[in-house]
């Protein structure tokens, strides 16, 4: 977990699902850390959720979405690596990801 202090708030970077190719035990520990942070951290005001636009959501992504919903925390879904795709592919992938997550295309933010 990495913490960054900004003038008016803190930003906390939690490990992603790939966990840098960590072993099963470490991944379970990371998952517990993320779940605990999302559900028990009263100061947490929102989540910026980074997803690679080149891939549709995985089972882990869908499980994380459920956890976010249960936590009641507002979330901004950011689709990273948009520069790796052409405009048409970006639109197509944004549409597919929105459908998989049950969100509107407008609620997703593609970035490079």
N, C-alpha and C. Protein backbone atom coordinates (compact mmCIF):
# COMPACT_ATOMS: atom_id res chain seq x y z
N UNK A 1 0.86 -1.16 0.00
CA UNK A 1 0.00 0.00 0.00
C UNK A 1 0.91 1.23 0.00
N UNK A 2 0.66 2.13 -0.94
CA UNK A 2 1.42 3.37 -1.02
C UNK A 2 0.49 4.54 -0.72
N UNK A 3 0.97 5.47 0.13
CA UNK A 3 0.17 6.64 0.49
C UNK A 3 0.86 7.89 -0.01
N UNK A 4 0.05 8.80 -0.57
CA UNK A 4 0.56 10.06 -1.08
C UNK A 4 -0.23 11.19 -0.43
N UNK A 5 0.48 12.12 0.19
CA UNK A 5 -0.18 13.26 0.82
C UNK A 5 -0.24 14.41 -0.18
N UNK A 6 -1.44 14.86 -0.45
CA UNK A 6 -1.67 16.00 -1.33
C UNK A 6 -2.18 17.15 -0.47
N UNK A 7 -2.24 18.37 -1.00
CA UNK A 7 -2.62 19.51 -0.15
C UNK A 7 -3.92 19.34 0.63
N UNK A 8 -4.93 18.75 0.03
CA UNK A 8 -6.22 18.68 0.73
C UNK A 8 -6.72 17.27 1.00
N UNK A 9 -5.94 16.26 0.61
CA UNK A 9 -6.37 14.88 0.85
C UNK A 9 -5.19 13.93 0.68
N UNK A 10 -5.43 12.69 1.04
CA UNK A 10 -4.45 11.62 0.82
C UNK A 10 -4.93 10.74 -0.32
N UNK A 11 -3.99 10.23 -1.07
CA UNK A 11 -4.31 9.24 -2.09
C UNK A 11 -3.61 7.95 -1.66
N UNK A 12 -4.37 6.85 -1.68
CA UNK A 12 -3.83 5.55 -1.28
C UNK A 12 -3.89 4.62 -2.48
N UNK A 13 -2.74 4.07 -2.83
CA UNK A 13 -2.64 3.13 -3.96
C UNK A 13 -2.62 1.72 -3.39
N UNK A 14 -3.70 0.99 -3.65
CA UNK A 14 -3.79 -0.39 -3.18
C UNK A 14 -3.37 -1.34 -4.30
N UNK A 15 -2.87 -2.51 -3.95
CA UNK A 15 -2.43 -3.45 -4.99
C UNK A 15 -3.58 -3.90 -5.86
N UNK A 16 -3.26 -4.13 -7.14
CA UNK A 16 -4.25 -4.63 -8.09
C UNK A 16 -4.37 -6.13 -7.99
N UNK A 17 -5.16 -6.71 -8.88
CA UNK A 17 -5.44 -8.14 -8.81
C UNK A 17 -4.29 -9.00 -9.29
N UNK A 18 -3.45 -8.49 -10.18
CA UNK A 18 -2.31 -9.27 -10.66
C UNK A 18 -1.29 -9.48 -9.56
N UNK A 19 -1.26 -8.53 -8.63
CA UNK A 19 -0.36 -8.60 -7.49
C UNK A 19 1.07 -8.92 -7.91
N UNK A 20 1.47 -8.38 -9.04
CA UNK A 20 2.84 -8.55 -9.53
C UNK A 20 3.26 -10.01 -9.52
N UNK A 21 2.39 -10.87 -9.95
CA UNK A 21 2.67 -12.31 -10.04
C UNK A 21 3.01 -12.90 -8.67
N UNK A 22 2.34 -12.43 -7.63
CA UNK A 22 2.57 -12.93 -6.27
C UNK A 22 2.01 -14.34 -6.14
N UNK A 23 2.53 -15.05 -5.15
CA UNK A 23 2.02 -16.41 -4.91
C UNK A 23 0.62 -16.34 -4.29
N UNK A 24 -0.03 -17.49 -4.21
CA UNK A 24 -1.43 -17.56 -3.76
C UNK A 24 -1.61 -16.99 -2.35
N UNK A 25 -0.68 -17.28 -1.45
CA UNK A 25 -0.77 -16.77 -0.09
C UNK A 25 -0.69 -15.26 -0.02
N UNK A 26 0.25 -14.69 -0.79
CA UNK A 26 0.38 -13.23 -0.82
C UNK A 26 -0.85 -12.58 -1.43
N UNK A 27 -1.40 -13.20 -2.47
CA UNK A 27 -2.59 -12.65 -3.11
C UNK A 27 -3.77 -12.65 -2.14
N UNK A 28 -3.90 -13.70 -1.35
CA UNK A 28 -4.98 -13.75 -0.35
C UNK A 28 -4.79 -12.64 0.68
N UNK A 29 -3.55 -12.39 1.07
CA UNK A 29 -3.26 -11.31 2.01
C UNK A 29 -3.59 -9.95 1.43
N UNK A 30 -3.24 -9.73 0.16
CA UNK A 30 -3.57 -8.47 -0.51
C UNK A 30 -5.07 -8.28 -0.59
N UNK A 31 -5.77 -9.35 -0.94
CA UNK A 31 -7.23 -9.27 -1.05
C UNK A 31 -7.84 -8.86 0.29
N UNK A 32 -7.35 -9.45 1.36
CA UNK A 32 -7.86 -9.12 2.70
C UNK A 32 -7.57 -7.66 3.03
N UNK A 33 -6.38 -7.18 2.67
CA UNK A 33 -6.01 -5.80 2.90
C UNK A 33 -6.95 -4.85 2.16
N UNK A 34 -7.20 -5.13 0.90
CA UNK A 34 -8.07 -4.28 0.09
C UNK A 34 -9.49 -4.29 0.63
N UNK A 35 -10.00 -5.47 0.94
CA UNK A 35 -11.36 -5.57 1.47
C UNK A 35 -11.49 -4.81 2.78
N UNK A 36 -10.52 -4.98 3.67
CA UNK A 36 -10.55 -4.28 4.94
C UNK A 36 -10.50 -2.77 4.77
N UNK A 37 -9.66 -2.32 3.88
CA UNK A 37 -9.54 -0.88 3.65
C UNK A 37 -10.84 -0.29 3.12
N UNK A 38 -11.44 -0.97 2.16
CA UNK A 38 -12.68 -0.46 1.57
C UNK A 38 -13.85 -0.47 2.55
N UNK A 39 -13.92 -1.47 3.38
CA UNK A 39 -15.09 -1.60 4.25
C UNK A 39 -14.93 -0.95 5.61
N UNK A 40 -13.70 -0.77 6.08
CA UNK A 40 -13.51 -0.30 7.46
C UNK A 40 -12.91 1.09 7.59
N UNK A 41 -12.41 1.64 6.52
CA UNK A 41 -11.74 2.94 6.60
C UNK A 41 -12.78 4.05 6.52
N UNK A 42 -13.15 4.61 7.67
CA UNK A 42 -14.24 5.59 7.70
C UNK A 42 -13.89 6.88 6.96
N UNK A 43 -12.61 7.22 6.87
CA UNK A 43 -12.22 8.45 6.19
C UNK A 43 -12.26 8.33 4.67
N UNK A 44 -12.38 7.13 4.16
CA UNK A 44 -12.39 6.91 2.71
C UNK A 44 -13.62 7.57 2.09
N UNK A 45 -13.38 8.49 1.16
CA UNK A 45 -14.48 9.24 0.55
C UNK A 45 -14.85 8.75 -0.84
N UNK A 46 -13.96 8.04 -1.49
CA UNK A 46 -14.24 7.55 -2.83
C UNK A 46 -13.11 6.70 -3.36
N UNK A 47 -13.38 6.06 -4.49
CA UNK A 47 -12.42 5.13 -5.09
C UNK A 47 -12.26 5.49 -6.56
N UNK A 48 -11.02 5.52 -7.01
CA UNK A 48 -10.72 5.61 -8.44
C UNK A 48 -10.26 4.21 -8.83
N UNK A 49 -11.05 3.56 -9.65
CA UNK A 49 -10.82 2.16 -10.03
C UNK A 49 -10.22 2.14 -11.42
N UNK A 50 -8.99 1.66 -11.54
CA UNK A 50 -8.28 1.62 -12.81
C UNK A 50 -8.43 0.26 -13.47
N UNK A 51 -8.92 0.27 -14.70
CA UNK A 51 -9.07 -0.95 -15.50
C UNK A 51 -8.38 -0.74 -16.85
N UNK A 52 -7.71 -1.76 -17.33
CA UNK A 52 -7.06 -1.72 -18.64
C UNK A 52 -8.13 -1.83 -19.72
N UNK A 53 -8.24 -0.81 -20.56
CA UNK A 53 -9.28 -0.78 -21.60
C UNK A 53 -9.14 -1.93 -22.59
N UNK A 54 -7.95 -2.51 -22.69
CA UNK A 54 -7.71 -3.56 -23.68
C UNK A 54 -8.33 -4.90 -23.30
N UNK A 55 -8.79 -5.02 -22.04
CA UNK A 55 -9.31 -6.30 -21.57
C UNK A 55 -10.68 -6.12 -20.94
N UNK A 56 -11.58 -7.04 -21.21
CA UNK A 56 -12.88 -7.00 -20.54
C UNK A 56 -12.69 -7.40 -19.08
N UNK A 57 -13.60 -6.99 -18.20
CA UNK A 57 -13.46 -7.28 -16.77
C UNK A 57 -13.36 -8.78 -16.49
N UNK A 58 -12.45 -9.12 -15.59
CA UNK A 58 -12.26 -10.51 -15.17
C UNK A 58 -13.22 -10.86 -14.04
N UNK A 59 -13.20 -12.11 -13.62
CA UNK A 59 -14.02 -12.51 -12.46
C UNK A 59 -13.59 -11.73 -11.23
N UNK A 60 -12.29 -11.50 -11.08
CA UNK A 60 -11.81 -10.71 -9.94
C UNK A 60 -12.33 -9.28 -10.01
N UNK A 61 -12.36 -8.71 -11.22
CA UNK A 61 -12.89 -7.35 -11.38
C UNK A 61 -14.36 -7.29 -10.97
N UNK A 62 -15.12 -8.28 -11.39
CA UNK A 62 -16.55 -8.31 -11.04
C UNK A 62 -16.74 -8.50 -9.54
N UNK A 63 -15.88 -9.30 -8.92
CA UNK A 63 -15.95 -9.47 -7.46
C UNK A 63 -15.60 -8.15 -6.76
N UNK A 64 -14.62 -7.42 -7.30
CA UNK A 64 -14.25 -6.13 -6.72
C UNK A 64 -15.41 -5.14 -6.87
N UNK A 65 -16.08 -5.19 -8.00
CA UNK A 65 -17.23 -4.31 -8.21
C UNK A 65 -18.31 -4.59 -7.16
N UNK A 66 -18.53 -5.86 -6.86
CA UNK A 66 -19.50 -6.22 -5.82
C UNK A 66 -19.06 -5.67 -4.47
N UNK A 67 -17.76 -5.78 -4.17
CA UNK A 67 -17.23 -5.26 -2.92
C UNK A 67 -17.41 -3.75 -2.85
N UNK A 68 -17.15 -3.07 -3.95
CA UNK A 68 -17.36 -1.62 -3.99
C UNK A 68 -18.82 -1.27 -3.71
N UNK A 69 -19.73 -2.00 -4.35
CA UNK A 69 -21.16 -1.75 -4.15
C UNK A 69 -21.54 -1.96 -2.68
N UNK A 70 -21.02 -3.03 -2.09
CA UNK A 70 -21.32 -3.31 -0.68
C UNK A 70 -20.76 -2.23 0.24
N UNK A 71 -19.62 -1.66 -0.13
CA UNK A 71 -19.00 -0.65 0.73
C UNK A 71 -19.76 0.68 0.69
N UNK A 72 -20.54 0.90 -0.38
CA UNK A 72 -21.27 2.15 -0.51
C UNK A 72 -20.39 3.33 -0.88
N UNK A 73 -19.14 3.08 -1.23
CA UNK A 73 -18.22 4.16 -1.59
C UNK A 73 -18.45 4.58 -3.05
N UNK A 74 -18.48 5.87 -3.32
CA UNK A 74 -18.57 6.28 -4.72
C UNK A 74 -17.29 5.89 -5.46
N UNK A 75 -17.44 5.53 -6.73
CA UNK A 75 -16.28 5.10 -7.51
C UNK A 75 -16.28 5.74 -8.89
N UNK A 76 -15.10 6.11 -9.33
CA UNK A 76 -14.88 6.58 -10.69
C UNK A 76 -14.10 5.48 -11.40
N UNK A 77 -14.66 4.97 -12.50
CA UNK A 77 -14.00 3.90 -13.25
C UNK A 77 -13.19 4.54 -14.38
N UNK A 78 -11.87 4.34 -14.32
CA UNK A 78 -10.96 4.90 -15.31
C UNK A 78 -10.39 3.77 -16.15
N UNK A 79 -10.52 3.90 -17.46
CA UNK A 79 -10.00 2.90 -18.39
C UNK A 79 -8.63 3.35 -18.88
N UNK A 80 -7.60 2.68 -18.42
CA UNK A 80 -6.23 3.07 -18.74
C UNK A 80 -5.78 2.50 -20.09
N UNK A 81 -4.68 3.02 -20.57
CA UNK A 81 -4.01 2.55 -21.80
C UNK A 81 -4.85 2.75 -23.06
N UNK A 82 -5.71 3.76 -23.03
CA UNK A 82 -6.55 4.04 -24.20
C UNK A 82 -5.70 4.40 -25.42
N UNK A 83 -4.51 4.94 -25.19
CA UNK A 83 -3.63 5.30 -26.31
C UNK A 83 -3.12 4.09 -27.08
N UNK A 84 -3.27 2.91 -26.51
CA UNK A 84 -2.83 1.68 -27.18
C UNK A 84 -3.84 1.21 -28.23
N UNK A 85 -5.03 1.83 -28.25
CA UNK A 85 -6.09 1.44 -29.18
C UNK A 85 -6.46 2.60 -30.09
N UNK A 86 -6.95 2.29 -31.27
CA UNK A 86 -7.49 3.32 -32.15
C UNK A 86 -8.83 3.81 -31.62
N UNK A 87 -9.33 4.90 -32.17
CA UNK A 87 -10.60 5.50 -31.70
C UNK A 87 -11.76 4.50 -31.74
N UNK A 88 -11.89 3.78 -32.83
CA UNK A 88 -12.99 2.82 -32.96
C UNK A 88 -12.86 1.70 -31.93
N UNK A 89 -11.64 1.21 -31.72
CA UNK A 89 -11.42 0.17 -30.72
C UNK A 89 -11.72 0.69 -29.32
N UNK A 90 -11.35 1.95 -29.05
CA UNK A 90 -11.66 2.54 -27.75
C UNK A 90 -13.16 2.54 -27.50
N UNK A 91 -13.92 2.99 -28.51
CA UNK A 91 -15.38 3.03 -28.36
C UNK A 91 -15.95 1.63 -28.15
N UNK A 92 -15.46 0.68 -28.93
CA UNK A 92 -15.94 -0.69 -28.84
C UNK A 92 -15.63 -1.30 -27.48
N UNK A 93 -14.41 -1.11 -27.01
CA UNK A 93 -14.02 -1.66 -25.70
C UNK A 93 -14.76 -0.96 -24.56
N UNK A 94 -14.93 0.34 -24.67
CA UNK A 94 -15.68 1.07 -23.64
C UNK A 94 -17.10 0.53 -23.56
N UNK A 95 -17.70 0.31 -24.71
CA UNK A 95 -19.06 -0.24 -24.76
C UNK A 95 -19.10 -1.63 -24.12
N UNK A 96 -18.15 -2.49 -24.46
CA UNK A 96 -18.12 -3.86 -23.93
C UNK A 96 -17.89 -3.87 -22.42
N UNK A 97 -16.99 -3.02 -21.95
CA UNK A 97 -16.70 -2.97 -20.51
C UNK A 97 -17.91 -2.42 -19.76
N UNK A 98 -18.53 -1.38 -20.30
CA UNK A 98 -19.74 -0.83 -19.66
C UNK A 98 -20.81 -1.89 -19.54
N UNK A 99 -21.01 -2.65 -20.61
CA UNK A 99 -22.03 -3.71 -20.58
C UNK A 99 -21.68 -4.77 -19.54
N UNK A 100 -20.42 -5.20 -19.50
CA UNK A 100 -20.00 -6.23 -18.54
C UNK A 100 -20.17 -5.78 -17.10
N UNK A 101 -19.97 -4.48 -16.85
CA UNK A 101 -20.09 -3.94 -15.49
C UNK A 101 -21.49 -3.43 -15.17
N UNK A 102 -22.37 -3.41 -16.17
CA UNK A 102 -23.72 -2.88 -15.95
C UNK A 102 -23.72 -1.38 -15.73
N UNK A 103 -22.81 -0.67 -16.40
CA UNK A 103 -22.69 0.77 -16.27
C UNK A 103 -22.96 1.43 -17.62
N UNK A 104 -23.13 2.74 -17.60
CA UNK A 104 -23.26 3.46 -18.86
C UNK A 104 -21.87 3.76 -19.41
N UNK A 105 -21.79 3.87 -20.72
CA UNK A 105 -20.51 4.22 -21.35
C UNK A 105 -20.01 5.57 -20.85
N UNK A 106 -20.93 6.49 -20.61
CA UNK A 106 -20.56 7.83 -20.16
C UNK A 106 -19.94 7.84 -18.77
N UNK A 107 -20.20 6.80 -17.99
CA UNK A 107 -19.65 6.76 -16.63
C UNK A 107 -18.20 6.27 -16.60
N UNK A 108 -17.69 5.80 -17.74
CA UNK A 108 -16.32 5.31 -17.82
C UNK A 108 -15.43 6.39 -18.41
N UNK A 109 -14.22 6.51 -17.88
CA UNK A 109 -13.30 7.56 -18.32
C UNK A 109 -12.05 6.97 -18.95
N UNK A 110 -11.98 6.88 -20.28
CA UNK A 110 -10.75 6.39 -20.92
C UNK A 110 -9.63 7.43 -20.81
N UNK A 111 -8.43 6.97 -20.48
CA UNK A 111 -7.25 7.84 -20.39
C UNK A 111 -6.04 7.13 -20.98
N UNK A 112 -5.05 7.93 -21.33
CA UNK A 112 -3.80 7.36 -21.86
C UNK A 112 -2.76 7.28 -20.77
